[in-house]
Amino acid sequence: MDATEQLLKRFTEASGVSGYETEVRALIRGELADITDIEQDRLGSIVCRKVGTRDEPKVMLAAHMDEIGFMVRQVTKEGYLRFVPLGGWWNQVILGQRVVVKTANGDVFGVLGAKPPHILTPEERDKVVDKKDMYIDIGATSLEEAEEAGVRPGDPVVPVSAFIPLATGKTYLAKAWDDRIGCATVVQAIQRLARETHPNTIYGAGTVQEEVGLRGARTSAYVVDPDVVIVLESDIAQDVPGMRQEEPVVSLGKGPSILVYDSSMIPNTRLRDLAIKVAKQEEIPLQFSAIERGGTDAGVIHLHNAGVPAIVLGVPARHIHSHAGIIHRDDYDNMVSLVVALAKELDERTVWGLTV
C-alpha cells in the first residue's frame, strides 16, 4: 500500500459513530499536529489552523468525522441488545451484518438479527423487516452474561468492515466513506498546502454528529468564523443497475463532483463557477450532482452569522449508508488536487468578491 491507501485504511477502519468520534479525531490530530495549530470545540469537533501569507481570508475545509451506526437502547433478559440507529439506515442492508459494541471494558462483537425466515408466516416473508424488530446478538444467553461482558445502554455500535483494495487496483471497499473520504481530503490538502504558498489561512475542521443533525458544523463554525467554506463529502454514485438511461449519473472514475443543489443549501454561484474554472485549468474532470433529499454540513455553516459563501465537493461512492461502500482512487486524488488549487485562488479580493 502507498501512503494514501494506508491513510484511507486508517480512517475507514477507525470507529466513530455519531457522538463517539474520538478515534477519528485522534487520527486527524496525529496527521496535522506538526504543521497546524489545533483547537477543539466543546462538542468534540477539531479545528486545525494553517496560516499562509495572510491571516485573512479564513478558508474553512470541513468534513464530518462521524459514520452511521447504532446505540444500545436496552439489554433484554435473554441477553439480546435492542438498539437505536445513529444516522439514516435502510432496513434492507442491516440484517446479518457484523458489528462491534464499544464498551467500557473493551470491544464486544455481535451480529444483527431478526426472527428466522423458517418460522415466519407467508405474509411476514413478503415484508422487509423493520429496524424496530431487529436485535444485536452477542452470543449471550442472559442479561447477566451481557452485563458481565460490559454491555450497557448508551454504548455505541459500529459496523465491522475492513478496508480492501478491489481487483482493479483503483477501487477500494470499506465502511464509512461517508465521510472519512472528506477527512482524508482535509488532511492531505493541508499537508500539500503546507509545502506551497497560499494567500489566506486554512482551517481544516473535522466535525461531529453530522449524521444526526449537522451539530458539529454549527459549533465549529463559531470557532472558525469563516469567510468562505468548502465542505468535503462523499457523493452518491448512481452508476448501478436500475437507473433510467436518460438520467445523467454521477459515476466512479469520472472525477469528483460539485453539488449544485441539496435540500439544505444552494451553493454560492460565484464560488461554484470558480471551482469549475479551476478544475478546467487544472484538467481535473468534474461531475455535477443534485440531491433533492438530505443535506450536508454546508447547510448549517453557510448560515453562520451574516452568511458564508459555500460549496460542497464530493467523491462518488457506491452503496453509502451501508456496511461497505466503493470509491475510485482517481476521484479521490483529483478531489485533493482540486481543493488545493481552489484554496490557492481564494485571496482577499476573490473572497470578498463572492458576495458583491
Protein backbone atom coordinates (compact mmCIF):
# COMPACT_ATOMS: atom_id res chain seq x y z
CA MET A 1 0.00 0.00 0.00
CA ASP A 2 1.18 3.51 -0.71
CA ALA A 3 0.83 6.32 1.85
CA THR A 4 -2.60 7.37 0.59
CA GLU A 5 -4.02 3.84 0.77
CA GLN A 6 -2.64 3.49 4.29
CA LEU A 7 -4.28 6.77 5.29
CA LEU A 8 -7.63 5.72 3.83
CA LYS A 9 -7.37 2.36 5.57
CA ARG A 10 -6.74 4.00 8.95
CA PHE A 11 -9.59 6.44 8.54
CA THR A 12 -12.20 3.96 7.33
CA GLU A 13 -11.35 1.26 9.83
CA ALA A 14 -11.46 3.70 12.77
CA SER A 15 -14.60 3.56 14.91
CA GLY A 16 -16.53 6.80 15.10
CA VAL A 17 -20.32 6.76 15.06
CA SER A 18 -22.17 9.98 15.81
CA GLY A 19 -21.27 11.29 19.25
CA TYR A 20 -18.30 8.92 19.60
CA GLU A 21 -15.72 10.34 17.17
CA THR A 22 -12.66 10.09 19.47
CA GLU A 23 -10.63 7.69 17.30
CA VAL A 24 -11.11 9.75 14.13
CA ARG A 25 -10.25 13.00 15.90
CA ALA A 26 -7.03 11.40 17.17
CA LEU A 27 -6.09 10.40 13.61
CA ILE A 28 -6.57 13.95 12.31
CA ARG A 29 -4.60 15.36 15.24
CA GLY A 30 -1.78 12.90 14.65
CA GLU A 31 -1.53 13.80 10.96
CA LEU A 32 -1.67 17.59 11.35
CA ALA A 33 -0.27 18.41 14.80
CA ASP A 34 3.20 19.22 13.45
CA ILE A 35 2.04 21.67 10.77
CA THR A 36 -1.08 23.32 12.20
CA ASP A 37 -2.36 24.93 15.39
CA ILE A 38 -5.13 22.75 16.75
CA GLU A 39 -8.14 23.52 18.91
CA GLN A 40 -11.34 21.70 19.75
CA ASP A 41 -14.86 22.86 20.44
CA ARG A 42 -16.86 21.59 23.38
CA LEU A 43 -18.87 19.11 21.30
CA GLY A 44 -15.68 17.45 20.05
CA SER A 45 -15.11 18.94 16.59
CA ILE A 46 -11.43 19.54 15.81
CA VAL A 47 -10.12 22.64 14.02
CA CYS A 48 -6.60 22.73 12.55
CA ARG A 49 -5.29 26.17 11.52
CA LYS A 50 -2.61 26.58 8.84
CA VAL A 51 -1.53 30.21 8.31
CA GLY A 52 -0.47 31.22 4.81
CA THR A 53 0.87 34.56 3.68
CA ARG A 54 -2.15 36.35 5.18
CA ASP A 55 -4.28 35.87 8.30
CA GLU A 56 -7.37 36.51 6.20
CA PRO A 57 -9.47 35.46 4.46
CA LYS A 58 -10.30 32.46 6.62
CA VAL A 59 -10.92 29.44 4.39
CA MET A 60 -12.69 26.55 6.11
CA LEU A 61 -12.30 22.99 4.79
CA ALA A 62 -14.94 20.94 6.60
CA ALA A 63 -15.60 17.21 6.73
CA HIS A 64 -17.61 15.28 9.29
CA MET A 65 -15.88 12.60 11.33
CA ASP A 66 -18.92 10.53 12.27
CA GLU A 67 -20.22 7.48 10.45
CA ILE A 68 -23.66 5.91 10.70
CA GLY A 69 -24.05 3.22 13.34
CA PHE A 70 -26.20 2.29 16.30
CA MET A 71 -26.50 2.76 20.05
CA VAL A 72 -27.56 0.15 22.60
CA ARG A 73 -31.00 1.09 23.91
CA GLN A 74 -31.79 -1.94 26.06
CA VAL A 75 -30.35 -5.30 27.09
CA THR A 76 -33.13 -7.90 27.25
CA LYS A 77 -33.40 -10.55 29.94
CA GLU A 78 -32.26 -13.08 27.30
CA GLY A 79 -29.09 -11.08 26.61
CA TYR A 80 -30.07 -9.57 23.27
CA LEU A 81 -29.40 -5.90 22.55
CA ARG A 82 -32.12 -3.59 21.33
CA PHE A 83 -30.75 -0.52 19.56
CA VAL A 84 -31.49 2.89 18.10
CA PRO A 85 -29.96 3.88 14.74
CA LEU A 86 -27.46 6.72 14.59
CA GLY A 87 -27.96 8.14 11.13
CA GLY A 88 -30.00 7.01 8.16
CA TRP A 89 -30.09 3.23 7.77
CA TRP A 90 -32.00 1.40 5.05
CA ASN A 91 -33.67 -1.69 6.54
CA GLN A 92 -32.58 -3.93 3.65
CA VAL A 93 -28.85 -3.55 4.32
CA ILE A 94 -28.79 -4.25 8.05
CA LEU A 95 -29.65 -7.89 8.73
CA GLY A 96 -26.83 -10.41 9.03
CA GLN A 97 -24.12 -7.76 9.32
CA ARG A 98 -21.37 -7.93 11.94
CA VAL A 99 -20.96 -5.11 14.45
CA VAL A 100 -18.77 -4.27 17.41
CA VAL A 101 -20.11 -2.79 20.64
CA LYS A 102 -17.60 -0.34 22.11
CA THR A 103 -17.98 -0.96 25.85
CA ALA A 104 -16.08 0.46 28.81
CA ASN A 105 -14.49 -2.99 29.16
CA GLY A 106 -13.44 -3.29 25.52
CA ASP A 107 -14.87 -4.49 22.22
CA VAL A 108 -17.77 -6.94 22.15
CA PHE A 109 -18.64 -8.39 18.74
CA GLY A 110 -22.08 -9.35 17.54
CA VAL A 111 -24.41 -9.72 14.58
CA LEU A 112 -27.67 -8.03 13.62
CA GLY A 113 -30.54 -10.48 13.60
CA ALA A 114 -34.31 -10.96 13.46
CA LYS A 115 -36.82 -13.83 13.52
CA PRO A 116 -35.58 -16.69 11.30
CA PRO A 117 -37.35 -16.95 7.91
CA HIS A 118 -38.32 -20.57 8.62
CA ILE A 119 -40.83 -19.52 11.29
CA LEU A 120 -42.30 -16.50 9.53
CA THR A 121 -45.83 -16.51 8.17
CA PRO A 122 -46.20 -16.10 4.39
CA GLU A 123 -47.35 -12.52 4.98
CA GLU A 124 -44.25 -11.76 7.09
CA ARG A 125 -41.89 -13.24 4.47
CA ASP A 126 -43.12 -10.74 1.90
CA LYS A 127 -42.31 -7.75 4.10
CA VAL A 128 -38.97 -6.05 4.76
CA VAL A 129 -38.02 -6.45 8.41
CA ASP A 130 -38.15 -3.12 10.22
CA LYS A 131 -35.28 -1.96 12.44
CA LYS A 132 -37.55 -1.99 15.48
CA ASP A 133 -37.94 -5.75 15.07
CA MET A 134 -34.20 -6.42 14.87
CA TYR A 135 -31.70 -7.06 17.62
CA ILE A 136 -27.97 -7.49 18.14
CA ASP A 137 -26.83 -10.95 19.20
CA ILE A 138 -23.52 -11.00 21.09
CA GLY A 139 -23.79 -14.68 21.95
CA ALA A 140 -25.08 -14.07 25.47
CA THR A 141 -27.89 -16.18 26.93
CA SER A 142 -28.97 -13.84 29.72
CA LEU A 143 -28.97 -10.23 30.85
CA GLU A 144 -26.29 -11.12 33.40
CA GLU A 145 -23.94 -12.52 30.76
CA ALA A 146 -24.34 -9.40 28.61
CA GLU A 147 -23.66 -7.17 31.61
CA GLU A 148 -20.61 -9.22 32.57
CA ALA A 149 -19.30 -8.65 29.04
CA GLY A 150 -19.53 -4.92 29.79
CA VAL A 151 -22.51 -4.00 27.62
CA ARG A 152 -24.85 -1.29 28.87
CA PRO A 153 -27.38 1.14 27.37
CA GLY A 154 -25.70 4.06 25.62
CA ASP A 155 -22.79 2.03 24.25
CA PRO A 156 -22.01 2.84 20.60
CA VAL A 157 -22.26 0.07 18.00
CA VAL A 158 -20.03 0.23 14.90
CA PRO A 159 -20.19 -1.73 11.63
CA VAL A 160 -17.35 -4.23 11.14
CA SER A 161 -15.86 -3.88 7.66
CA ALA A 162 -12.19 -3.96 6.65
CA PHE A 163 -10.59 -1.70 4.02
CA ILE A 164 -9.94 -3.84 0.92
CA PRO A 165 -8.41 -2.83 -2.44
CA LEU A 166 -10.50 -4.49 -5.14
CA ALA A 167 -9.50 -6.33 -8.29
CA THR A 168 -8.97 -3.24 -10.46
CA GLY A 169 -6.35 -1.85 -8.07
CA LYS A 170 -8.07 1.54 -8.38
CA THR A 171 -11.22 0.87 -6.37
CA TYR A 172 -11.50 0.38 -2.62
CA LEU A 173 -14.14 -1.35 -0.49
CA ALA A 174 -14.65 -0.08 3.07
CA LYS A 175 -17.15 1.27 5.55
CA ALA A 176 -17.55 4.94 6.49
CA TRP A 177 -16.56 6.61 3.22
CA ASP A 178 -19.28 9.00 4.36
CA ASP A 179 -17.35 10.95 5.44
CA ARG A 180 -13.86 9.63 6.13
CA ILE A 181 -13.11 10.39 2.48
CA GLY A 182 -13.67 14.04 3.36
CA CYS A 183 -11.50 13.77 6.48
CA ALA A 184 -8.65 12.28 4.45
CA THR A 185 -9.03 15.07 1.89
CA VAL A 186 -8.74 17.71 4.61
CA VAL A 187 -5.55 16.07 5.90
CA GLN A 188 -3.82 15.60 2.56
CA ALA A 189 -4.88 19.00 1.20
CA ILE A 190 -3.42 20.78 4.24
CA GLN A 191 -0.25 18.68 4.04
CA ARG A 192 0.21 19.80 0.44
CA LEU A 193 -0.64 23.43 1.20
CA ALA A 194 1.97 23.38 3.96
CA ARG A 195 4.58 22.97 1.21
CA GLU A 196 3.08 25.66 -1.04
CA THR A 197 2.17 29.34 -0.85
CA HIS A 198 -1.47 30.22 -0.19
CA PRO A 199 -2.83 33.77 0.29
CA ASN A 200 -5.08 33.05 3.25
CA THR A 201 -5.38 30.97 6.41
CA ILE A 202 -6.74 27.46 6.05
CA TYR A 203 -8.91 25.93 8.78
CA GLY A 204 -9.33 22.18 8.48
CA ALA A 205 -12.37 21.10 10.51
CA GLY A 206 -13.40 17.59 11.45
CA THR A 207 -16.98 17.96 12.66
CA VAL A 208 -19.05 15.72 14.92
CA GLN A 209 -22.62 14.45 14.73
CA GLU A 210 -23.38 15.37 11.12
CA GLU A 211 -25.43 12.22 10.59
CA VAL A 212 -27.82 13.11 13.42
CA GLY A 213 -28.38 16.79 12.68
CA LEU A 214 -25.30 18.72 11.46
CA ARG A 215 -24.48 19.58 15.07
CA GLY A 216 -20.70 19.91 14.95
CA ALA A 217 -20.96 22.11 11.87
CA ARG A 218 -22.74 24.72 13.94
CA THR A 219 -20.25 24.79 16.81
CA SER A 220 -17.10 24.57 14.66
CA ALA A 221 -18.32 27.49 12.56
CA TYR A 222 -18.27 29.60 15.72
CA VAL A 223 -14.69 28.51 16.37
CA VAL A 224 -13.52 29.42 12.85
CA ASP A 225 -15.91 32.26 11.90
CA PRO A 226 -15.05 31.53 8.24
CA ASP A 227 -15.09 33.89 5.28
CA VAL A 228 -15.65 31.00 2.86
CA VAL A 229 -16.21 27.26 3.29
CA ILE A 230 -15.57 24.20 1.15
CA VAL A 231 -17.39 21.17 2.52
CA LEU A 232 -15.82 17.85 1.52
CA GLU A 233 -18.11 14.86 1.29
CA SER A 234 -18.87 11.53 -0.27
CA ASP A 235 -21.39 11.71 -3.08
CA ILE A 236 -23.94 9.15 -4.20
CA ALA A 237 -22.61 7.18 -7.16
CA GLN A 238 -25.51 6.30 -9.41
CA ASP A 239 -23.74 4.09 -11.96
CA VAL A 240 -25.58 1.00 -10.78
CA PRO A 241 -28.17 -1.30 -12.36
CA GLY A 242 -31.70 0.03 -12.30
CA MET A 243 -31.01 3.66 -13.17
CA ARG A 244 -33.04 5.12 -16.04
CA GLN A 245 -30.81 5.57 -19.06
CA GLU A 246 -31.95 9.12 -19.79
CA GLU A 247 -30.83 10.37 -16.38
CA PRO A 248 -27.31 11.83 -16.03
CA VAL A 249 -25.48 9.94 -13.32
CA VAL A 250 -22.53 10.51 -11.02
CA SER A 251 -20.12 7.67 -11.75
CA LEU A 252 -16.96 6.15 -10.31
CA GLY A 253 -13.75 7.11 -12.07
CA LYS A 254 -15.09 10.23 -13.78
CA GLY A 255 -13.86 12.78 -11.26
CA PRO A 256 -15.03 14.46 -8.08
CA SER A 257 -18.44 16.08 -8.07
CA ILE A 258 -19.71 19.54 -7.26
CA LEU A 259 -23.12 19.74 -5.62
CA VAL A 260 -25.35 22.26 -7.39
CA TYR A 261 -28.35 21.70 -5.11
CA ASP A 262 -29.49 19.90 -2.00
CA SER A 263 -32.41 20.42 0.37
CA SER A 264 -30.32 22.46 2.82
CA MET A 265 -28.31 24.76 0.54
CA ILE A 266 -27.98 26.32 -2.88
CA PRO A 267 -24.24 26.94 -3.31
CA ASN A 268 -22.71 30.36 -3.79
CA THR A 269 -22.80 30.71 -7.57
CA ARG A 270 -19.55 32.65 -7.91
CA LEU A 271 -17.68 30.16 -5.76
CA ARG A 272 -19.24 27.33 -7.76
CA ASP A 273 -18.15 28.94 -11.01
CA LEU A 274 -14.64 29.49 -9.64
CA ALA A 275 -14.38 25.80 -8.71
CA ILE A 276 -15.48 24.84 -12.23
CA LYS A 277 -12.93 27.23 -13.74
CA VAL A 278 -10.11 25.91 -11.56
CA ALA A 279 -10.98 22.31 -12.39
CA LYS A 280 -10.81 23.13 -16.10
CA GLN A 281 -7.49 24.95 -15.72
CA GLU A 282 -6.01 22.01 -13.79
CA GLU A 283 -7.51 19.47 -16.24
CA ILE A 284 -9.43 17.82 -13.41
CA PRO A 285 -12.60 16.02 -14.53
CA LEU A 286 -15.65 17.30 -12.67
CA GLN A 287 -19.15 15.88 -12.34
CA PHE A 288 -22.34 17.67 -11.29
CA SER A 289 -24.68 16.40 -8.63
CA ALA A 290 -28.10 17.48 -7.34
CA ILE A 291 -29.73 15.83 -4.32
CA GLU A 292 -33.38 16.53 -3.61
CA ARG A 293 -33.37 14.97 -0.14
CA GLY A 294 -30.74 15.34 2.55
CA GLY A 295 -28.05 17.89 3.22
CA THR A 296 -24.50 18.41 4.42
CA ASP A 297 -22.61 20.48 6.98
CA ALA A 298 -22.70 23.31 4.44
CA GLY A 299 -26.41 23.69 5.18
CA VAL A 300 -25.54 25.00 8.64
CA ILE A 301 -22.17 26.67 8.00
CA HIS A 302 -23.43 28.84 5.14
CA LEU A 303 -25.96 30.38 7.55
CA HIS A 304 -23.34 31.30 10.14
CA ASN A 305 -23.51 34.94 11.27
CA ALA A 306 -24.32 37.10 8.21
CA GLY A 307 -23.76 34.17 5.84
CA VAL A 308 -20.76 32.30 4.40
CA PRO A 309 -20.15 31.55 0.70
CA ALA A 310 -20.15 27.77 0.47
CA ILE A 311 -19.80 24.85 -1.91
CA VAL A 312 -19.76 21.08 -1.50
CA LEU A 313 -17.27 18.85 -3.32
CA GLY A 314 -17.64 15.09 -3.22
CA VAL A 315 -16.01 11.79 -4.10
CA PRO A 316 -18.58 9.42 -5.63
CA ALA A 317 -19.19 6.30 -3.54
CA ARG A 318 -21.37 3.30 -4.28
CA HIS A 319 -23.51 1.75 -1.52
CA ILE A 320 -23.12 4.55 1.03
CA HIS A 321 -25.04 4.24 4.30
CA SER A 322 -24.33 0.54 4.40
CA HIS A 323 -21.62 -1.64 5.91
CA ALA A 324 -19.38 -1.28 2.84
CA GLY A 325 -19.07 1.22 0.00
CA ILE A 326 -16.79 1.52 -3.02
CA ILE A 327 -14.80 4.56 -4.21
CA HIS A 328 -12.32 5.12 -7.03
CA ARG A 329 -8.77 6.26 -6.23
CA ASP A 330 -8.60 8.64 -9.21
CA ASP A 331 -11.67 10.51 -7.96
CA TYR A 332 -10.08 10.94 -4.56
CA ASP A 333 -6.71 12.09 -5.89
CA ASN A 334 -8.44 14.58 -8.18
CA MET A 335 -10.54 15.89 -5.29
CA VAL A 336 -7.41 16.62 -3.23
CA SER A 337 -5.79 18.37 -6.20
CA LEU A 338 -8.92 20.45 -6.82
CA VAL A 339 -9.17 21.52 -3.18
CA VAL A 340 -5.50 22.58 -3.12
CA ALA A 341 -5.78 24.51 -6.38
CA LEU A 342 -9.03 26.18 -5.33
CA ALA A 343 -7.68 27.15 -1.91
CA LYS A 344 -4.73 28.89 -3.56
CA GLU A 345 -7.16 31.05 -5.56
CA LEU A 346 -9.03 32.31 -2.51
CA ASP A 347 -7.20 35.52 -1.78
CA GLU A 348 -8.81 38.51 -0.09
CA ARG A 349 -10.06 40.18 -3.27
CA THR A 350 -11.54 36.94 -4.62
CA VAL A 351 -13.33 36.01 -1.42
CA TRP A 352 -14.82 39.47 -0.85
CA GLY A 353 -15.95 39.44 -4.47
CA LEU A 354 -18.03 36.29 -3.96
CA THR A 355 -20.86 38.29 -2.40
CA VAL A 356 -20.59 41.69 -4.10
